[in-house]
């Protein structure tokens, strides 16, 4: 039986663009834009799971780090 959803942690890459890492699965991808990243995440999930065992929902949890002056 397939999981209902898979969660990816999305962060800005130090080199530019975005990185996405699945929680609980060995799936990682990166892209120059957020729109491109969404397509690459979909492709990575399709490649990682067999037909019928893929999650129904992909959740992207976007983390943004911000430094502020004191």
PDB file of N, CA and C in Angstrom:
ATOM      1  N   UNK A   1       0.837  -1.187   0.000  1.00  0.00           N
ATOM      2  CA  UNK A   1       0.000   0.000   0.000  1.00  0.00           C
ATOM      3  C   UNK A   1       0.883   1.251   0.000  1.00  0.00           C
ATOM      4  N   UNK A   2       0.518   2.219  -0.807  1.00  0.00           N
ATOM      5  CA  UNK A   2       1.306   3.440  -0.941  1.00  0.00           C
ATOM      6  C   UNK A   2       1.036   4.405   0.209  1.00  0.00           C
ATOM      7  N   UNK A   3       2.081   5.163   0.572  1.00  0.00           N
ATOM      8  CA  UNK A   3       1.879   6.249   1.535  1.00  0.00           C
ATOM      9  C   UNK A   3       0.971   7.289   0.889  1.00  0.00           C
ATOM     10  N   UNK A   4       0.229   8.008   1.699  1.00  0.00           N
ATOM     11  CA  UNK A   4      -0.661   9.028   1.157  1.00  0.00           C
ATOM     12  C   UNK A   4       0.100  10.251   0.673  1.00  0.00           C
ATOM     13  N   UNK A   5       1.210  10.556   1.361  1.00  0.00           N
ATOM     14  CA  UNK A   5       1.989  11.716   0.946  1.00  0.00           C
ATOM     15  C   UNK A   5       3.462  11.518   1.250  1.00  0.00           C
ATOM     16  N   UNK A   6       4.262  12.317   0.575  1.00  0.00           N
ATOM     17  CA  UNK A   6       5.693  12.360   0.827  1.00  0.00           C
ATOM     18  C   UNK A   6       6.047  13.829   1.038  1.00  0.00           C
ATOM     19  N   UNK A   7       6.936  14.079   1.986  1.00  0.00           N
ATOM     20  CA  UNK A   7       7.307  15.448   2.327  1.00  0.00           C
ATOM     21  C   UNK A   7       8.755  15.697   1.927  1.00  0.00           C
ATOM     22  N   UNK A   8       8.973  16.817   1.252  1.00  0.00           N
ATOM     23  CA  UNK A   8      10.315  17.253   0.881  1.00  0.00           C
ATOM     24  C   UNK A   8      10.660  18.526   1.636  1.00  0.00           C
ATOM     25  N   UNK A   9      11.863  18.581   2.158  1.00  0.00           N
ATOM     26  CA  UNK A   9      12.411  19.784   2.763  1.00  0.00           C
ATOM     27  C   UNK A   9      13.111  20.559   1.646  1.00  0.00           C
ATOM     28  N   UNK A  10      12.685  21.785   1.405  1.00  0.00           N
ATOM     29  CA  UNK A  10      13.232  22.602   0.314  1.00  0.00           C
ATOM     30  C   UNK A  10      13.989  23.777   0.911  1.00  0.00           C
ATOM     31  N   UNK A  11      15.230  23.937   0.452  1.00  0.00           N
ATOM     32  CA  UNK A  11      16.069  25.043   0.912  1.00  0.00           C
ATOM     33  C   UNK A  11      16.741  25.704  -0.283  1.00  0.00           C
ATOM     34  N   UNK A  12      17.092  26.964  -0.108  1.00  0.00           N
ATOM     35  CA  UNK A  12      17.880  27.635  -1.138  1.00  0.00           C
ATOM     36  C   UNK A  12      19.289  27.064  -1.104  1.00  0.00           C
ATOM     37  N   UNK A  13      19.840  26.808  -2.268  1.00  0.00           N
ATOM     38  CA  UNK A  13      21.188  26.265  -2.366  1.00  0.00           C
ATOM     39  C   UNK A  13      22.210  27.382  -2.191  1.00  0.00           C
ATOM     40  N   UNK A  14      23.323  27.115  -1.495  1.00  0.00           N
ATOM     41  CA  UNK A  14      24.368  28.134  -1.360  1.00  0.00           C
ATOM     42  C   UNK A  14      24.933  28.572  -2.713  1.00  0.00           C
ATOM     43  N   UNK A  15      24.868  27.674  -3.708  1.00  0.00           N
ATOM     44  CA  UNK A  15      25.378  27.984  -5.046  1.00  0.00           C
ATOM     45  C   UNK A  15      24.331  28.685  -5.908  1.00  0.00           C
ATOM     46  N   UNK A  16      23.121  28.865  -5.380  1.00  0.00           N
ATOM     47  CA  UNK A  16      22.022  29.435  -6.147  1.00  0.00           C
ATOM     48  C   UNK A  16      21.021  28.346  -6.491  1.00  0.00           C
ATOM     49  N   UNK A  17      19.780  28.710  -6.664  1.00  0.00           N
ATOM     50  CA  UNK A  17      18.745  27.732  -6.950  1.00  0.00           C
ATOM     51  C   UNK A  17      18.206  27.098  -5.676  1.00  0.00           C
ATOM     52  N   UNK A  18      17.637  25.898  -5.819  1.00  0.00           N
ATOM     53  CA  UNK A  18      16.978  25.221  -4.712  1.00  0.00           C
ATOM     54  C   UNK A  18      17.374  23.753  -4.641  1.00  0.00           C
ATOM     55  N   UNK A  19      17.310  23.202  -3.424  1.00  0.00           N
ATOM     56  CA  UNK A  19      17.564  21.785  -3.174  1.00  0.00           C
ATOM     57  C   UNK A  19      16.350  21.213  -2.465  1.00  0.00           C
ATOM     58  N   UNK A  20      15.985  19.980  -2.798  1.00  0.00           N
ATOM     59  CA  UNK A  20      14.859  19.312  -2.140  1.00  0.00           C
ATOM     60  C   UNK A  20      15.295  17.919  -1.703  1.00  0.00           C
ATOM     61  N   UNK A  21      15.007  17.589  -0.440  1.00  0.00           N
ATOM     62  CA  UNK A  21      15.365  16.293   0.128  1.00  0.00           C
ATOM     63  C   UNK A  21      14.117  15.688   0.765  1.00  0.00           C
ATOM     64  N   UNK A  22      13.793  14.444   0.373  1.00  0.00           N
ATOM     65  CA  UNK A  22      12.624  13.764   0.930  1.00  0.00           C
ATOM     66  C   UNK A  22      12.901  13.329   2.361  1.00  0.00           C
ATOM     67  N   UNK A  23      11.903  13.448   3.212  1.00  0.00           N
ATOM     68  CA  UNK A  23      12.012  12.979   4.584  1.00  0.00           C
ATOM     69  C   UNK A  23      11.601  11.504   4.621  1.00  0.00           C
ATOM     70  N   UNK A  24      12.511  10.647   5.083  1.00  0.00           N
ATOM     71  CA  UNK A  24      12.220   9.226   5.194  1.00  0.00           C
ATOM     72  C   UNK A  24      12.485   8.414   3.950  1.00  0.00           C
ATOM     73  N   UNK A  25      12.980   9.056   2.896  1.00  0.00           N
ATOM     74  CA  UNK A  25      13.302   8.354   1.647  1.00  0.00           C
ATOM     75  C   UNK A  25      14.608   8.916   1.093  1.00  0.00           C
ATOM     76  N   UNK A  26      15.335   8.112   0.362  1.00  0.00           N
ATOM     77  CA  UNK A  26      16.605   8.545  -0.222  1.00  0.00           C
ATOM     78  C   UNK A  26      16.353   9.207  -1.577  1.00  0.00           C
ATOM     79  N   UNK A  27      15.711  10.376  -1.535  1.00  0.00           N
ATOM     80  CA  UNK A  27      15.422  11.124  -2.763  1.00  0.00           C
ATOM     81  C   UNK A  27      15.945  12.543  -2.575  1.00  0.00           C
ATOM     82  N   UNK A  28      16.746  13.012  -3.533  1.00  0.00           N
ATOM     83  CA  UNK A  28      17.306  14.353  -3.498  1.00  0.00           C
ATOM     84  C   UNK A  28      17.319  14.896  -4.918  1.00  0.00           C
ATOM     85  N   UNK A  29      16.967  16.153  -5.085  1.00  0.00           N
ATOM     86  CA  UNK A  29      17.065  16.795  -6.391  1.00  0.00           C
ATOM     87  C   UNK A  29      17.318  18.281  -6.195  1.00  0.00           C
ATOM     88  N   UNK A  30      17.716  18.942  -7.262  1.00  0.00           N
ATOM     89  CA  UNK A  30      17.987  20.376  -7.208  1.00  0.00           C
ATOM     90  C   UNK A  30      17.642  21.005  -8.547  1.00  0.00           C
ATOM     91  N   UNK A  31      17.439  22.330  -8.535  1.00  0.00           N
ATOM     92  CA  UNK A  31      17.095  23.056  -9.758  1.00  0.00           C
ATOM     93  C   UNK A  31      17.414  24.536  -9.581  1.00  0.00           C
ATOM     94  N   UNK A  32      17.453  25.248 -10.706  1.00  0.00           N
ATOM     95  CA  UNK A  32      17.762  26.679 -10.681  1.00  0.00           C
ATOM     96  C   UNK A  32      16.585  27.524 -10.210  1.00  0.00           C
ATOM     97  N   UNK A  33      15.349  27.101 -10.515  1.00  0.00           N
ATOM     98  CA  UNK A  33      14.170  27.870 -10.116  1.00  0.00           C
ATOM     99  C   UNK A  33      13.220  26.984  -9.314  1.00  0.00           C
ATOM    100  N   UNK A  34      12.300  27.609  -8.585  1.00  0.00           N
ATOM    101  CA  UNK A  34      11.350  26.847  -7.785  1.00  0.00           C
ATOM    102  C   UNK A  34      10.390  26.077  -8.684  1.00  0.00           C
ATOM    103  N   UNK A  35       9.976  26.668  -9.793  1.00  0.00           N
ATOM    104  CA  UNK A  35       9.083  25.975 -10.737  1.00  0.00           C
ATOM    105  C   UNK A  35       9.764  24.735 -11.309  1.00  0.00           C
ATOM    106  N   UNK A  36      11.019  24.859 -11.683  1.00  0.00           N
ATOM    107  CA  UNK A  36      11.780  23.722 -12.208  1.00  0.00           C
ATOM    108  C   UNK A  36      11.954  22.653 -11.120  1.00  0.00           C
ATOM    109  N   UNK A  37      12.154  23.087  -9.895  1.00  0.00           N
ATOM    110  CA  UNK A  37      12.320  22.145  -8.791  1.00  0.00           C
ATOM    111  C   UNK A  37      11.066  21.294  -8.613  1.00  0.00           C
ATOM    112  N   UNK A  38       9.883  21.893  -8.723  1.00  0.00           N
ATOM    113  CA  UNK A  38       8.641  21.132  -8.586  1.00  0.00           C
ATOM    114  C   UNK A  38       8.561  20.017  -9.625  1.00  0.00           C
ATOM    115  N   UNK A  39       8.951  20.310 -10.857  1.00  0.00           N
ATOM    116  CA  UNK A  39       8.947  19.279 -11.907  1.00  0.00           C
ATOM    117  C   UNK A  39       9.971  18.182 -11.609  1.00  0.00           C
ATOM    118  N   UNK A  40      11.135  18.573 -11.134  1.00  0.00           N
ATOM    119  CA  UNK A  40      12.174  17.583 -10.821  1.00  0.00           C
ATOM    120  C   UNK A  40      11.777  16.709  -9.634  1.00  0.00           C
ATOM    121  N   UNK A  41      11.084  17.282  -8.655  1.00  0.00           N
ATOM    122  CA  UNK A  41      10.593  16.497  -7.523  1.00  0.00           C
ATOM    123  C   UNK A  41       9.587  15.466  -8.023  1.00  0.00           C
ATOM    124  N   UNK A  42       8.652  15.884  -8.873  1.00  0.00           N
ATOM    125  CA  UNK A  42       7.675  14.943  -9.441  1.00  0.00           C
ATOM    126  C   UNK A  42       8.389  13.801 -10.172  1.00  0.00           C
ATOM    127  N   UNK A  43       9.366  14.148 -11.009  1.00  0.00           N
ATOM    128  CA  UNK A  43      10.118  13.125 -11.751  1.00  0.00           C
ATOM    129  C   UNK A  43      10.854  12.184 -10.807  1.00  0.00           C
ATOM    130  N   UNK A  44      11.466  12.733  -9.773  1.00  0.00           N
ATOM    131  CA  UNK A  44      12.216  11.912  -8.821  1.00  0.00           C
ATOM    132  C   UNK A  44      11.296  10.933  -8.099  1.00  0.00           C
ATOM    133  N   UNK A  45      10.100  11.389  -7.727  1.00  0.00           N
ATOM    134  CA  UNK A  45       9.137  10.514  -7.047  1.00  0.00           C
ATOM    135  C   UNK A  45       8.680   9.413  -8.001  1.00  0.00           C
ATOM    136  N   UNK A  46       8.410   9.768  -9.268  1.00  0.00           N
ATOM    137  CA  UNK A  46       8.012   8.757 -10.255  1.00  0.00           C
ATOM    138  C   UNK A  46       9.095   7.692 -10.431  1.00  0.00           C
ATOM    139  N   UNK A  47      10.354   8.113 -10.434  1.00  0.00           N
ATOM    140  CA  UNK A  47      11.466   7.165 -10.606  1.00  0.00           C
ATOM    141  C   UNK A  47      11.692   6.303  -9.371  1.00  0.00           C
ATOM    142  N   UNK A  48      11.465   6.853  -8.196  1.00  0.00           N
ATOM    143  CA  UNK A  48      11.765   6.155  -6.944  1.00  0.00           C
ATOM    144  C   UNK A  48      10.732   5.087  -6.592  1.00  0.00           C
ATOM    145  N   UNK A  49       9.469   5.347  -6.891  1.00  0.00           N
ATOM    146  CA  UNK A  49       8.395   4.431  -6.518  1.00  0.00           C
ATOM    147  C   UNK A  49       7.841   3.700  -7.733  1.00  0.00           C
ATOM    148  N   UNK A  50       7.483   2.444  -7.548  1.00  0.00           N
ATOM    149  CA  UNK A  50       6.810   1.682  -8.601  1.00  0.00           C
ATOM    150  C   UNK A  50       5.393   2.206  -8.784  1.00  0.00           C
ATOM    151  N   UNK A  51       4.845   1.975  -9.969  1.00  0.00           N
ATOM    152  CA  UNK A  51       3.459   2.344 -10.258  1.00  0.00           C
ATOM    153  C   UNK A  51       2.541   1.695  -9.219  1.00  0.00           C
ATOM    154  N   UNK A  52       1.597   2.446  -8.708  1.00  0.00           N
ATOM    155  CA  UNK A  52       0.684   1.925  -7.698  1.00  0.00           C
ATOM    156  C   UNK A  52       1.195   2.060  -6.278  1.00  0.00           C
ATOM    157  N   UNK A  53       2.481   2.385  -6.114  1.00  0.00           N
ATOM    158  CA  UNK A  53       3.051   2.549  -4.777  1.00  0.00           C
ATOM    159  C   UNK A  53       3.489   3.989  -4.524  1.00  0.00           C
ATOM    160  N   UNK A  54       3.211   4.852  -5.488  1.00  0.00           N
ATOM    161  CA  UNK A  54       3.592   6.260  -5.345  1.00  0.00           C
ATOM    162  C   UNK A  54       2.632   6.985  -4.413  1.00  0.00           C
ATOM    163  N   UNK A  55       3.155   7.945  -3.660  1.00  0.00           N
ATOM    164  CA  UNK A  55       2.276   8.760  -2.808  1.00  0.00           C
ATOM    165  C   UNK A  55       1.303   9.561  -3.669  1.00  0.00           C
ATOM    166  N   UNK A  56       0.137   9.820  -3.130  1.00  0.00           N
ATOM    167  CA  UNK A  56      -0.874  10.601  -3.842  1.00  0.00           C
ATOM    168  C   UNK A  56      -0.562  12.100  -3.808  1.00  0.00           C
ATOM    169  N   UNK A  57       0.171  12.537  -2.762  1.00  0.00           N
ATOM    170  CA  UNK A  57       0.465  13.957  -2.572  1.00  0.00           C
ATOM    171  C   UNK A  57       1.945  14.142  -2.301  1.00  0.00           C
ATOM    172  N   UNK A  58       2.505  15.165  -2.921  1.00  0.00           N
ATOM    173  CA  UNK A  58       3.876  15.585  -2.630  1.00  0.00           C
ATOM    174  C   UNK A  58       3.775  16.928  -1.917  1.00  0.00           C
ATOM    175  N   UNK A  59       4.307  16.986  -0.711  1.00  0.00           N
ATOM    176  CA  UNK A  59       4.268  18.227   0.074  1.00  0.00           C
ATOM    177  C   UNK A  59       5.685  18.814   0.104  1.00  0.00           C
ATOM    178  N   UNK A  60       5.803  20.088  -0.274  1.00  0.00           N
ATOM    179  CA  UNK A  60       7.085  20.786  -0.245  1.00  0.00           C
ATOM    180  C   UNK A  60       7.094  21.719   0.959  1.00  0.00           C
ATOM    181  N   UNK A  61       8.000  21.458   1.878  1.00  0.00           N
ATOM    182  CA  UNK A  61       8.150  22.300   3.074  1.00  0.00           C
ATOM    183  C   UNK A  61       9.349  23.202   2.820  1.00  0.00           C
ATOM    184  N   UNK A  62       9.070  24.455   2.507  1.00  0.00           N
ATOM    185  CA  UNK A  62      10.124  25.397   2.127  1.00  0.00           C
ATOM    186  C   UNK A  62      10.662  26.109   3.358  1.00  0.00           C
ATOM    187  N   UNK A  63      11.979  26.014   3.546  1.00  0.00           N
ATOM    188  CA  UNK A  63      12.653  26.628   4.676  1.00  0.00           C
ATOM    189  C   UNK A  63      13.468  27.808   4.152  1.00  0.00           C
ATOM    190  N   UNK A  64      13.277  28.943   4.788  1.00  0.00           N
ATOM    191  CA  UNK A  64      14.025  30.130   4.389  1.00  0.00           C
ATOM    192  C   UNK A  64      14.778  30.662   5.596  1.00  0.00           C
ATOM    193  N   UNK A  65      16.066  30.766   5.461  1.00  0.00           N
ATOM    194  CA  UNK A  65      16.885  31.302   6.536  1.00  0.00           C
ATOM    195  C   UNK A  65      17.096  32.790   6.295  1.00  0.00           C
ATOM    196  N   UNK A  66      16.954  33.546   7.355  1.00  0.00           N
ATOM    197  CA  UNK A  66      17.153  34.992   7.252  1.00  0.00           C
ATOM    198  C   UNK A  66      17.972  35.461   8.440  1.00  0.00           C
ATOM    199  N   UNK A  67      18.959  36.283   8.177  1.00  0.00           N
ATOM    200  CA  UNK A  67      19.810  36.839   9.223  1.00  0.00           C
ATOM    201  C   UNK A  67      19.438  38.303   9.386  1.00  0.00           C
ATOM    202  N   UNK A  68      19.204  38.709  10.632  1.00  0.00           N
ATOM    203  CA  UNK A  68      18.874  40.108  10.905  1.00  0.00           C
ATOM    204  C   UNK A  68      19.889  40.708  11.865  1.00  0.00           C
ATOM    205  N   UNK A  69      20.119  41.975  11.718  1.00  0.00           N
ATOM    206  CA  UNK A  69      21.077  42.659  12.595  1.00  0.00           C
ATOM    207  C   UNK A  69      20.454  42.897  13.955  1.00  0.00           C
ATOM    208  N   UNK A  70      21.301  42.900  14.989  1.00  0.00           N
ATOM    209  CA  UNK A  70      20.828  43.145  16.351  1.00  0.00           C
ATOM    210  C   UNK A  70      20.843  44.620  16.636  1.00  0.00           C
TER     211      UNK A  70
END
